[in-house]
C-alpha atoms as a PDB file:
ATOM      1  CA  MET A   1     -35.454 -59.442 -77.096  1.00  0.00           C
ATOM      2  CA  THR A   2     -34.449 -63.420 -76.185  1.00  0.00           C
ATOM      3  CA  SER A   3     -32.177 -65.408 -78.641  1.00  0.00           C
ATOM      4  CA  ILE A   4     -33.646 -69.099 -79.100  1.00  0.00           C
ATOM      5  CA  ILE A   5     -30.263 -70.513 -76.999  1.00  0.00           C
ATOM      6  CA  GLU A   6     -31.021 -68.239 -74.117  1.00  0.00           C
ATOM      7  CA  ALA A   7     -34.754 -69.019 -74.248  1.00  0.00           C
ATOM      8  CA  MET A   8     -33.968 -72.798 -74.041  1.00  0.00           C
ATOM      9  CA  LEU A   9     -31.727 -72.885 -71.586  1.00  0.00           C
ATOM     10  CA  LYS A  10     -34.227 -70.465 -69.419  1.00  0.00           C
ATOM     11  CA  HIS A  11     -36.713 -73.022 -70.130  1.00  0.00           C
ATOM     12  CA  GLN A  12     -34.717 -76.097 -69.070  1.00  0.00           C
ATOM     13  CA  MET A  13     -33.070 -74.406 -65.769  1.00  0.00           C
ATOM     14  CA  LEU A  14     -36.831 -73.600 -65.052  1.00  0.00           C
ATOM     15  CA  THR A  15     -38.222 -76.830 -65.446  1.00  0.00           C
ATOM     16  CA  GLN A  16     -35.459 -78.045 -63.197  1.00  0.00           C
ATOM     17  CA  GLY A  17     -36.285 -75.809 -60.595  1.00  0.00           C
ATOM     18  CA  ILE A  18     -32.910 -73.864 -60.987  1.00  0.00           C
ATOM     19  CA  ASP A  19     -33.301 -69.723 -60.358  1.00  0.00           C
ATOM     20  CA  LEU A  20     -31.422 -68.229 -63.445  1.00  0.00           C
ATOM     21  CA  GLY A  21     -31.517 -64.656 -61.599  1.00  0.00           C
ATOM     22  CA  PRO A  22     -30.837 -61.662 -64.118  1.00  0.00           C
ATOM     23  CA  THR A  23     -29.936 -62.485 -67.406  1.00  0.00           C
ATOM     24  CA  GLN A  24     -29.026 -58.917 -68.474  1.00  0.00           C
ATOM     25  CA  GLY A  25     -26.674 -56.368 -66.981  1.00  0.00           C
ATOM     26  CA  ALA A  26     -26.667 -52.982 -66.506  1.00  0.00           C
ATOM     27  CA  PRO A  27     -27.099 -50.459 -69.328  1.00  0.00           C
ATOM     28  CA  ILE A  28     -24.145 -49.051 -70.053  1.00  0.00           C
ATOM     29  CA  GLU A  29     -23.023 -45.743 -72.507  1.00  0.00           C
ATOM     30  CA  VAL A  30     -21.313 -46.155 -75.594  1.00  0.00           C
ATOM     31  CA  ILE A  31     -19.089 -43.131 -76.905  1.00  0.00           C
ATOM     32  CA  PRO A  32     -18.988 -43.376 -80.772  1.00  0.00           C
ATOM     33  CA  ARG A  33     -16.023 -42.278 -82.836  1.00  0.00           C
ATOM     34  CA  ILE A  34     -16.763 -39.285 -84.309  1.00  0.00           C
ATOM     35  CA  GLY A  35     -15.990 -39.768 -88.208  1.00  0.00           C
ATOM     36  CA  GLN A  36     -15.660 -43.460 -88.008  1.00  0.00           C
ATOM     37  CA  GLN A  37     -18.295 -44.232 -90.758  1.00  0.00           C
ATOM     38  CA  ALA A  38     -16.756 -41.230 -93.279  1.00  0.00           C
ATOM     39  CA  PHE A  39     -13.560 -43.042 -92.479  1.00  0.00           C
ATOM     40  CA  LYS A  40     -14.841 -46.360 -93.462  1.00  0.00           C
ATOM     41  CA  LEU A  41     -16.855 -44.347 -96.769  1.00  0.00           C
ATOM     42  CA  VAL A  42     -13.348 -43.359 -97.939  1.00  0.00           C
ATOM     43  CA  ILE A  43     -11.034 -46.558 -97.277  1.00  0.00           C
ATOM     44  CA  SER A  44     -13.769 -48.814 -98.979  1.00  0.00           C
ATOM     45  CA  GLU A  45     -13.936 -46.695-102.009  1.00  0.00           C
ATOM     46  CA  LYS A  46      -9.891 -46.350-102.232  1.00  0.00           C
ATOM     47  CA  TYR A  47      -9.520 -50.362-102.108  1.00  0.00           C
ATOM     48  CA  GLY A  48     -12.213 -50.579-104.358  1.00  0.00           C
ATOM     49  CA  TYR A  49     -14.696 -52.118-101.954  1.00  0.00           C
ATOM     50  CA  HIS A  50     -12.326 -55.297-101.642  1.00  0.00           C
ATOM     51  CA  CYS A  51     -10.687 -56.757 -98.382  1.00  0.00           C
ATOM     52  CA  ALA A  52      -6.929 -55.816 -99.004  1.00  0.00           C
ATOM     53  CA  ILE A  53      -5.895 -59.162 -98.200  1.00  0.00           C
ATOM     54  CA  THR A  54      -8.316 -61.829 -99.159  1.00  0.00           C
ATOM     55  CA  GLY A  55      -9.878 -59.831-102.255  1.00  0.00           C
ATOM     56  CA  GLU A  56     -13.164 -60.365-100.140  1.00  0.00           C
ATOM     57  CA  LYS A  57     -16.008 -57.725-101.653  1.00  0.00           C
ATOM     58  CA  VAL A  58     -19.063 -58.795 -99.684  1.00  0.00           C
ATOM     59  CA  ARG A  59     -19.497 -55.264 -98.356  1.00  0.00           C
ATOM     60  CA  PRO A  60     -21.335 -56.148 -95.037  1.00  0.00           C
ATOM     61  CA  VAL A  61     -18.641 -58.163 -94.071  1.00  0.00           C
ATOM     62  CA  LEU A  62     -15.838 -55.391 -94.981  1.00  0.00           C
ATOM     63  CA  GLU A  63     -14.165 -52.591 -92.141  1.00  0.00           C
ATOM     64  CA  ALA A  64     -12.160 -49.835 -92.475  1.00  0.00           C
ATOM     65  CA  ALA A  65      -9.075 -50.736 -90.057  1.00  0.00           C
ATOM     66  CA  HIS A  66      -6.912 -48.387 -88.565  1.00  0.00           C
ATOM     67  CA  ILE A  67      -3.039 -49.150 -88.777  1.00  0.00           C
ATOM     68  CA  GLN A  68      -2.234 -47.374 -85.726  1.00  0.00           C
ATOM     69  CA  SER A  69      -5.006 -47.502 -83.417  1.00  0.00           C
ATOM     70  CA  VAL A  70      -7.174 -44.392 -82.337  1.00  0.00           C
ATOM     71  CA  SER A  71      -6.499 -45.562 -78.762  1.00  0.00           C
ATOM     72  CA  ALA A  72      -2.557 -44.978 -79.862  1.00  0.00           C
ATOM     73  CA  GLY A  73      -3.125 -41.628 -81.717  1.00  0.00           C
ATOM     74  CA  GLY A  74      -4.390 -43.195 -85.120  1.00  0.00           C
ATOM     75  CA  GLN A  75      -6.419 -40.738 -87.290  1.00  0.00           C
ATOM     76  CA  HIS A  76      -8.781 -41.258 -89.586  1.00  0.00           C
ATOM     77  CA  ARG A  77      -6.351 -41.039 -92.542  1.00  0.00           C
ATOM     78  CA  VAL A  78      -6.392 -43.046 -95.745  1.00  0.00           C
ATOM     79  CA  ASP A  79      -2.803 -43.195 -95.375  1.00  0.00           C
ATOM     80  CA  ASP A  80      -3.549 -44.852 -91.843  1.00  0.00           C
ATOM     81  CA  GLY A  81      -6.449 -47.561 -93.040  1.00  0.00           C
ATOM     82  CA  LEU A  82      -7.018 -50.890 -94.750  1.00  0.00           C
ATOM     83  CA  LEU A  83     -10.165 -52.106 -96.161  1.00  0.00           C
ATOM     84  CA  LEU A  84     -10.111 -55.666 -94.257  1.00  0.00           C
ATOM     85  CA  ARG A  85     -12.929 -58.642 -94.031  1.00  0.00           C
ATOM     86  CA  SER A  86     -14.379 -58.206 -90.203  1.00  0.00           C
ATOM     87  CA  GLY A  87     -12.325 -61.814 -89.064  1.00  0.00           C
ATOM     88  CA  VAL A  88      -9.437 -60.321 -90.675  1.00  0.00           C
ATOM     89  CA  HIS A  89      -9.695 -56.850 -89.265  1.00  0.00           C
ATOM     90  CA  THR A  90      -9.941 -59.091 -85.886  1.00  0.00           C
ATOM     91  CA  LEU A  91      -6.621 -61.029 -86.523  1.00  0.00           C
ATOM     92  CA  TYR A  92      -4.634 -57.626 -87.522  1.00  0.00           C
ATOM     93  CA  ASP A  93      -6.089 -55.899 -84.178  1.00  0.00           C
ATOM     94  CA  ARG A  94      -4.745 -58.656 -82.011  1.00  0.00           C
ATOM     95  CA  GLY A  95      -1.229 -58.766 -83.444  1.00  0.00           C
ATOM     96  CA  TYR A  96      -1.665 -62.256 -85.478  1.00  0.00           C
ATOM     97  CA  ILE A  97      -1.283 -60.636 -88.995  1.00  0.00           C
ATOM     98  CA  GLY A  98       0.464 -57.749 -90.375  1.00  0.00           C
ATOM     99  CA  VAL A  99       1.733 -56.008 -93.303  1.00  0.00           C
ATOM    100  CA  ASP A 100       5.130 -54.386 -94.082  1.00  0.00           C
ATOM    101  CA  THR A 101       6.500 -51.690 -95.527  1.00  0.00           C
ATOM    102  CA  LYS A 102       6.692 -53.584 -98.885  1.00  0.00           C
ATOM    103  CA  TYR A 103       2.623 -54.398 -98.670  1.00  0.00           C
ATOM    104  CA  LEU A 104       3.504 -58.010 -98.215  1.00  0.00           C
ATOM    105  CA  LEU A 105       1.292 -59.966 -95.485  1.00  0.00           C
ATOM    106  CA  ARG A 106       3.380 -61.016 -92.364  1.00  0.00           C
ATOM    107  CA  VAL A 107       1.674 -64.185 -89.964  1.00  0.00           C
ATOM    108  CA  SER A 108       2.634 -64.151 -86.359  1.00  0.00           C
ATOM    109  CA  PRO A 109       3.716 -67.455 -84.989  1.00  0.00           C
ATOM    110  CA  ALA A 110       1.473 -66.884 -82.309  1.00  0.00           C
ATOM    111  CA  LEU A 111      -1.250 -67.450 -84.519  1.00  0.00           C
ATOM    112  CA  ARG A 112      -0.236 -71.540 -84.920  1.00  0.00           C
ATOM    113  CA  GLU A 113       1.259 -71.758 -81.613  1.00  0.00           C
ATOM    114  CA  GLU A 114      -1.923 -70.317 -79.677  1.00  0.00           C
ATOM    115  CA  PHE A 115      -4.402 -71.699 -81.755  1.00  0.00           C
ATOM    116  CA  GLY A 116      -3.174 -74.445 -83.814  1.00  0.00           C
ATOM    117  CA  ASN A 117      -4.625 -72.694 -86.505  1.00  0.00           C
ATOM    118  CA  GLY A 118      -3.902 -70.362 -89.570  1.00  0.00           C
ATOM    119  CA  ASP A 119      -2.932 -72.268 -92.379  1.00  0.00           C
ATOM    120  CA  TRP A 120      -4.478 -70.241 -95.236  1.00  0.00           C
ATOM    121  CA  PHE A 121      -2.669 -66.817 -93.542  1.00  0.00           C
ATOM    122  CA  TYR A 122       0.565 -68.933 -93.685  1.00  0.00           C
ATOM    123  CA  ALA A 123       0.209 -70.253 -97.369  1.00  0.00           C
ATOM    124  CA  CYS A 124      -0.476 -66.299 -98.173  1.00  0.00           C
ATOM    125  CA  GLU A 125       2.511 -65.286 -95.807  1.00  0.00           C
ATOM    126  CA  GLY A 126       4.503 -63.063 -98.155  1.00  0.00           C
ATOM    127  CA  GLU A 127       2.093 -62.616-100.856  1.00  0.00           C
ATOM    128  CA  GLN A 128       1.420 -58.807-101.976  1.00  0.00           C
ATOM    129  CA  ILE A 129      -1.908 -56.893-100.684  1.00  0.00           C
ATOM    130  CA  THR A 130      -3.794 -54.494-102.668  1.00  0.00           C
ATOM    131  CA  VAL A 131      -3.105 -50.904-101.904  1.00  0.00           C
ATOM    132  CA  PRO A 132      -4.685 -47.947-103.623  1.00  0.00           C
ATOM    133  CA  ASP A 133      -3.558 -46.765-106.898  1.00  0.00           C
ATOM    134  CA  LYS A 134      -2.196 -43.704-105.648  1.00  0.00           C
ATOM    135  CA  ARG A 135       0.930 -43.748-103.800  1.00  0.00           C
ATOM    136  CA  ILE A 136       0.109 -41.102-101.626  1.00  0.00           C
ATOM    137  CA  GLU A 137      -3.134 -43.311-100.395  1.00  0.00           C
ATOM    138  CA  ARG A 138      -1.379 -45.936 -99.842  1.00  0.00           C
ATOM    139  CA  PRO A 139      -0.045 -47.308 -96.116  1.00  0.00           C
ATOM    140  CA  LYS A 140       2.291 -45.166 -94.830  1.00  0.00           C
ATOM    141  CA  ASP A 141       5.439 -46.854 -93.654  1.00  0.00           C
ATOM    142  CA  GLU A 142       5.470 -44.992 -90.104  1.00  0.00           C
ATOM    143  CA  PHE A 143       2.146 -46.681 -89.393  1.00  0.00           C
ATOM    144  CA  LEU A 144       2.955 -50.146 -90.702  1.00  0.00           C
ATOM    145  CA  ASP A 145       6.209 -50.118 -88.389  1.00  0.00           C
ATOM    146  CA  TRP A 146       3.944 -48.859 -85.619  1.00  0.00           C
ATOM    147  CA  HIS A 147       1.797 -51.714 -86.100  1.00  0.00           C
ATOM    148  CA  ASN A 148       4.609 -54.163 -86.729  1.00  0.00           C
ATOM    149  CA  ASP A 149       6.578 -53.144 -83.469  1.00  0.00           C
ATOM    150  CA  GLU A 150       4.088 -52.439 -81.199  1.00  0.00           C
ATOM    151  CA  VAL A 151       1.012 -54.821 -82.053  1.00  0.00           C
ATOM    152  CA  LEU A 152       2.390 -58.092 -84.077  1.00  0.00           C
ATOM    153  CA  ARG A 153       2.823 -60.644 -81.505  1.00  0.00           C
ATOM    154  CA  GLY A 154       6.535 -62.182 -81.534  1.00  0.00           C
ATOM    155  CA  VAL A 155       8.162 -60.575 -84.264  1.00  0.00           C
ATOM    156  CA  THR A 156       9.189 -56.854 -85.429  1.00  0.00           C
ATOM    157  CA  ASN A 157       9.478 -55.224 -88.954  1.00  0.00           C
ATOM    158  CA  ARG A 158      12.832 -53.739 -88.013  1.00  0.00           C
ATOM    159  CA  GLY A 159      15.388 -56.542 -87.595  1.00  0.00           C
ATOM    160  CA  LYS A 160      14.494 -58.429 -84.129  1.00  0.00           C
ATOM    161  CA  ARG A 161      13.384 -61.049 -86.241  1.00  0.00           C
ATOM    162  CA  HIS A 162      13.413 -61.107 -90.235  1.00  0.00           C
ATOM    163  CA  TRP A 163      10.531 -62.428 -92.022  1.00  0.00           C
ATOM    164  CA  ARG A 164      12.461 -63.431 -95.447  1.00  0.00           C
ATOM    165  CA  SER A 165      15.494 -62.599 -97.435  1.00  0.00           C
ATOM    166  CA  ALA A 166      15.751 -59.206 -99.555  1.00  0.00           C
ATOM    167  CA  ALA A 167      14.986 -61.674-102.826  1.00  0.00           C
ATOM    168  CA  ALA A 168      11.145 -62.865-101.655  1.00  0.00           C
ATOM    169  CA  ILE A 169      10.193 -58.792-102.389  1.00  0.00           C
ATOM    170  CA  PRO A 170       8.230 -58.677-105.351  1.00  0.00           C
ATOM    171  CA  ARG A 171       9.400 -55.988-107.774  1.00  0.00           C
ATOM    172  CA  THR A 172       5.845 -54.191-108.354  1.00  0.00           C
ATOM    173  CA  ILE A 173       3.195 -53.207-106.105  1.00  0.00           C
ATOM    174  CA  ARG A 174      -0.322 -54.504-106.905  1.00  0.00           C
ATOM    175  CA  VAL A 175      -2.691 -51.753-106.945  1.00  0.00           C
ATOM    176  CA  GLY A 176      -6.141 -51.120-107.229  1.00  0.00           C
ATOM    177  CA  PRO A 177      -8.730 -53.810-106.847  1.00  0.00           C
ATOM    178  CA  PRO A 178      -7.917 -57.441-107.389  1.00  0.00           C
ATOM    179  CA  ARG A 179      -8.806 -58.605-110.845  1.00  0.00           C
ATOM    180  CA  MET A 180      -7.985 -62.259-109.967  1.00  0.00           C
ATOM    181  CA  ARG A 181      -7.684 -63.850-106.577  1.00  0.00           C
ATOM    182  CA  PRO A 182      -4.367 -63.933-105.526  1.00  0.00           C
ATOM    183  CA  ARG A 183      -1.986 -67.073-105.761  1.00  0.00           C
ATOM    184  CA  CYS A 184      -2.804 -68.270-102.416  1.00  0.00           C
ATOM    185  CA  LEU A 185      -6.137 -68.389-102.548  1.00  0.00           C
ATOM    186  CA  ARG A 186      -6.189 -70.531-105.684  1.00  0.00           C
ATOM    187  CA  ARG A 187      -6.871 -74.245-104.717  1.00  0.00           C
END
């Protein structure tokens, strides 16, 4: 099926006598990850069908994110997963945002440096994310440390660059589905 934009470009080029050549590449084989759908179902349930960072609850845009990527040895484990809105998942996987072992949102300076953007995330930096009720189901420190050391751009969780003072760490951990929007979302 041809998109409207592709059809318009093709029409414009054909009317100008420009040969487009092939518009699609050769088919490629995609190997599906076994267990990904089951992982998403379990993570979705544990996070109350809400994005751990934004509180978003529109199910079609929610994705189960591995904290330690599968390509780096991550597994389909509840304590190696976060439920994230699709755009947030992309930023997480590319190292623009992270979560520390106190479940606080961390934002890489690279987001602003590379794109001059990310105000919402910077406003929410240091905010508590939502985690599952049961401690055993919460993100494991080992996986969070791995992501912060190996993926998060320009910062680490273990002293190379500190985010905030210990006084900024909340005394309680928000668990279960969010009942109200986080402070940084209220405007």
